[in-house]
C-alpha atoms as a PDB file:
ATOM      1  CA  UNK A   1      89.889  85.903  94.654  1.00  0.00           C
ATOM      2  CA  UNK A   2      88.403  83.521  92.104  1.00  0.00           C
ATOM      3  CA  UNK A   3      84.844  84.433  93.057  1.00  0.00           C
ATOM      4  CA  UNK A   4      85.645  88.132  92.947  1.00  0.00           C
ATOM      5  CA  UNK A   5      87.313  87.801  89.523  1.00  0.00           C
ATOM      6  CA  UNK A   6      84.335  85.851  88.177  1.00  0.00           C
ATOM      7  CA  UNK A   7      81.870  88.416  89.528  1.00  0.00           C
ATOM      8  CA  UNK A   8      83.808  91.296  88.013  1.00  0.00           C
ATOM      9  CA  UNK A   9      84.107  89.570  84.635  1.00  0.00           C
ATOM     10  CA  UNK A  10      80.380  88.768  84.654  1.00  0.00           C
ATOM     11  CA  UNK A  11      79.525  92.469  84.781  1.00  0.00           C
ATOM     12  CA  UNK A  12      82.284  93.430  82.302  1.00  0.00           C
ATOM     13  CA  UNK A  13      84.082  95.467  84.948  1.00  0.00           C
ATOM     14  CA  UNK A  14      87.342  97.156  83.974  1.00  0.00           C
ATOM     15  CA  UNK A  15      88.581  96.144  87.430  1.00  0.00           C
ATOM     16  CA  UNK A  16      89.995  92.704  88.181  1.00  0.00           C
ATOM     17  CA  UNK A  17      91.488  90.822  91.112  1.00  0.00           C
ATOM     18  CA  UNK A  18      94.654  88.791  91.492  1.00  0.00           C
ATOM     19  CA  UNK A  19      96.428  87.076  94.340  1.00  0.00           C
ATOM     20  CA  UNK A  20     100.203  87.008  94.771  1.00  0.00           C
ATOM     21  CA  UNK A  21     101.401  84.257  97.106  1.00  0.00           C
ATOM     22  CA  UNK A  22     105.035  84.670  98.107  1.00  0.00           C
ATOM     23  CA  UNK A  23     107.059  82.184 100.063  1.00  0.00           C
ATOM     24  CA  UNK A  24     108.911  83.687 103.036  1.00  0.00           C
ATOM     25  CA  UNK A  25     110.118  87.146 101.991  1.00  0.00           C
ATOM     26  CA  UNK A  26     113.763  87.635 102.859  1.00  0.00           C
ATOM     27  CA  UNK A  27     115.262  91.103 103.538  1.00  0.00           C
ATOM     28  CA  UNK A  28     111.985  92.819 104.480  1.00  0.00           C
ATOM     29  CA  UNK A  29     108.775  92.321 106.402  1.00  0.00           C
ATOM     30  CA  UNK A  30     107.634  89.893 109.049  1.00  0.00           C
ATOM     31  CA  UNK A  31     109.892  86.975 108.113  1.00  0.00           C
ATOM     32  CA  UNK A  32     112.975  89.208 107.957  1.00  0.00           C
ATOM     33  CA  UNK A  33     112.067  90.510 111.428  1.00  0.00           C
ATOM     34  CA  UNK A  34     111.642  86.965 112.764  1.00  0.00           C
ATOM     35  CA  UNK A  35     114.912  85.928 111.171  1.00  0.00           C
ATOM     36  CA  UNK A  36     116.909  88.780 112.689  1.00  0.00           C
ATOM     37  CA  UNK A  37     115.177  88.743 116.071  1.00  0.00           C
ATOM     38  CA  UNK A  38     114.874  84.990 116.654  1.00  0.00           C
ATOM     39  CA  UNK A  39     117.543  83.498 114.357  1.00  0.00           C
ATOM     40  CA  UNK A  40     115.087  81.314 112.443  1.00  0.00           C
ATOM     41  CA  UNK A  41     115.375  80.048 108.884  1.00  0.00           C
ATOM     42  CA  UNK A  42     112.636  79.413 106.361  1.00  0.00           C
ATOM     43  CA  UNK A  43     111.526  75.800 106.070  1.00  0.00           C
ATOM     44  CA  UNK A  44     113.537  74.230 103.225  1.00  0.00           C
ATOM     45  CA  UNK A  45     110.414  73.057 101.415  1.00  0.00           C
ATOM     46  CA  UNK A  46     109.047  76.614 101.314  1.00  0.00           C
ATOM     47  CA  UNK A  47     112.218  78.565 100.576  1.00  0.00           C
ATOM     48  CA  UNK A  48     112.434  82.339 100.379  1.00  0.00           C
ATOM     49  CA  UNK A  49     112.019  85.107  97.856  1.00  0.00           C
ATOM     50  CA  UNK A  50     113.121  88.719  97.615  1.00  0.00           C
ATOM     51  CA  UNK A  51     110.964  91.821  97.949  1.00  0.00           C
ATOM     52  CA  UNK A  52     111.881  92.600  94.317  1.00  0.00           C
ATOM     53  CA  UNK A  53     110.524  89.229  93.164  1.00  0.00           C
ATOM     54  CA  UNK A  54     107.236  89.977  94.952  1.00  0.00           C
ATOM     55  CA  UNK A  55     107.073  93.460  93.407  1.00  0.00           C
ATOM     56  CA  UNK A  56     107.749  91.991  89.957  1.00  0.00           C
ATOM     57  CA  UNK A  57     104.955  89.461  90.485  1.00  0.00           C
ATOM     58  CA  UNK A  58     102.516  92.206  91.508  1.00  0.00           C
ATOM     59  CA  UNK A  59     103.340  94.147  88.344  1.00  0.00           C
ATOM     60  CA  UNK A  60     102.962  91.000  86.231  1.00  0.00           C
ATOM     61  CA  UNK A  61      99.600  90.236  87.847  1.00  0.00           C
ATOM     62  CA  UNK A  62      98.356  93.722  87.017  1.00  0.00           C
ATOM     63  CA  UNK A  63      99.787  93.931  83.505  1.00  0.00           C
ATOM     64  CA  UNK A  64      98.695  90.445  82.412  1.00  0.00           C
ATOM     65  CA  UNK A  65      95.594  90.120  84.585  1.00  0.00           C
ATOM     66  CA  UNK A  66      96.998  86.926  86.090  1.00  0.00           C
ATOM     67  CA  UNK A  67      94.554  85.280  88.502  1.00  0.00           C
ATOM     68  CA  UNK A  68      97.200  83.753  90.780  1.00  0.00           C
ATOM     69  CA  UNK A  69     100.979  83.978  91.054  1.00  0.00           C
ATOM     70  CA  UNK A  70     103.272  82.072  93.379  1.00  0.00           C
ATOM     71  CA  UNK A  71     106.648  83.639  94.158  1.00  0.00           C
ATOM     72  CA  UNK A  72     109.537  81.647  95.524  1.00  0.00           C
ATOM     73  CA  UNK A  73     112.345  79.274  94.791  1.00  0.00           C
ATOM     74  CA  UNK A  74     110.266  76.144  95.454  1.00  0.00           C
ATOM     75  CA  UNK A  75     107.217  74.707  93.651  1.00  0.00           C
ATOM     76  CA  UNK A  76     104.666  76.357  95.951  1.00  0.00           C
ATOM     77  CA  UNK A  77     101.723  75.788  93.619  1.00  0.00           C
ATOM     78  CA  UNK A  78     102.079  72.018  94.062  1.00  0.00           C
ATOM     79  CA  UNK A  79     102.285  72.373  97.842  1.00  0.00           C
ATOM     80  CA  UNK A  80      99.241  74.654  98.136  1.00  0.00           C
ATOM     81  CA  UNK A  81      97.194  72.695  95.589  1.00  0.00           C
ATOM     82  CA  UNK A  82      97.874  69.576  97.609  1.00  0.00           C
ATOM     83  CA  UNK A  83      96.742  71.379 100.745  1.00  0.00           C
ATOM     84  CA  UNK A  84      93.391  72.117  99.118  1.00  0.00           C
ATOM     85  CA  UNK A  85      92.898  68.604  97.747  1.00  0.00           C
ATOM     86  CA  UNK A  86      94.341  66.633 100.660  1.00  0.00           C
ATOM     87  CA  UNK A  87      94.319  68.842 103.790  1.00  0.00           C
ATOM     88  CA  UNK A  88      95.103  66.092 106.316  1.00  0.00           C
ATOM     89  CA  UNK A  89      97.936  64.713 104.236  1.00  0.00           C
ATOM     90  CA  UNK A  90      99.490  68.154 103.831  1.00  0.00           C
ATOM     91  CA  UNK A  91      99.023  68.873 107.531  1.00  0.00           C
ATOM     92  CA  UNK A  92     100.934  65.673 108.332  1.00  0.00           C
ATOM     93  CA  UNK A  93     103.542  66.362 105.659  1.00  0.00           C
ATOM     94  CA  UNK A  94     104.049  69.926 106.895  1.00  0.00           C
ATOM     95  CA  UNK A  95     104.778  68.617 110.378  1.00  0.00           C
ATOM     96  CA  UNK A  96     107.206  65.994 109.045  1.00  0.00           C
ATOM     97  CA  UNK A  97     109.007  68.515 106.824  1.00  0.00           C
ATOM     98  CA  UNK A  98     109.310  71.107 109.586  1.00  0.00           C
ATOM     99  CA  UNK A  99     107.167  73.808 107.988  1.00  0.00           C
ATOM    100  CA  UNK A 100     105.743  74.814 111.372  1.00  0.00           C
ATOM    101  CA  UNK A 101     108.999  74.345 113.306  1.00  0.00           C
ATOM    102  CA  UNK A 102     110.246  77.840 112.451  1.00  0.00           C
ATOM    103  CA  UNK A 103     107.262  79.438 114.166  1.00  0.00           C
ATOM    104  CA  UNK A 104     107.655  77.191 117.205  1.00  0.00           C
ATOM    105  CA  UNK A 105     111.355  78.105 117.422  1.00  0.00           C
ATOM    106  CA  UNK A 106     110.535  81.833 117.206  1.00  0.00           C
ATOM    107  CA  UNK A 107     107.928  81.477 119.965  1.00  0.00           C
ATOM    108  CA  UNK A 108     110.364  79.621 122.207  1.00  0.00           C
ATOM    109  CA  UNK A 109     113.078  82.202 121.597  1.00  0.00           C
ATOM    110  CA  UNK A 110     110.643  85.013 122.378  1.00  0.00           C
ATOM    111  CA  UNK A 111     109.547  83.388 125.640  1.00  0.00           C
ATOM    112  CA  UNK A 112     113.190  83.017 126.727  1.00  0.00           C
ATOM    113  CA  UNK A 113     113.702  86.774 126.332  1.00  0.00           C
ATOM    114  CA  UNK A 114     110.699  87.629 128.522  1.00  0.00           C
END
């Protein structure tokens, strides 16, 4: 997104680009399906957000030409910035904090139903 934004600004384009990064979206979409089908919960460090919060962020990104917006109840920017700067550390931390456990639980629940 950053490269695209820079390219568009270089040529004085009236078009821009933004990225909206939600945590796990509750009440709609893939996470809501996983939650209802496999009884999983979002990892506590990631938290959840509502579809309305995501929609509001999209509107804000468009209206204010924001380059990047994180949506959720937790400090996601810190988490994702750390992942870029220290990928191995964040990989280890994600395992310790159970970020991937939800997906493993959903996969195990799905295989039990088959």
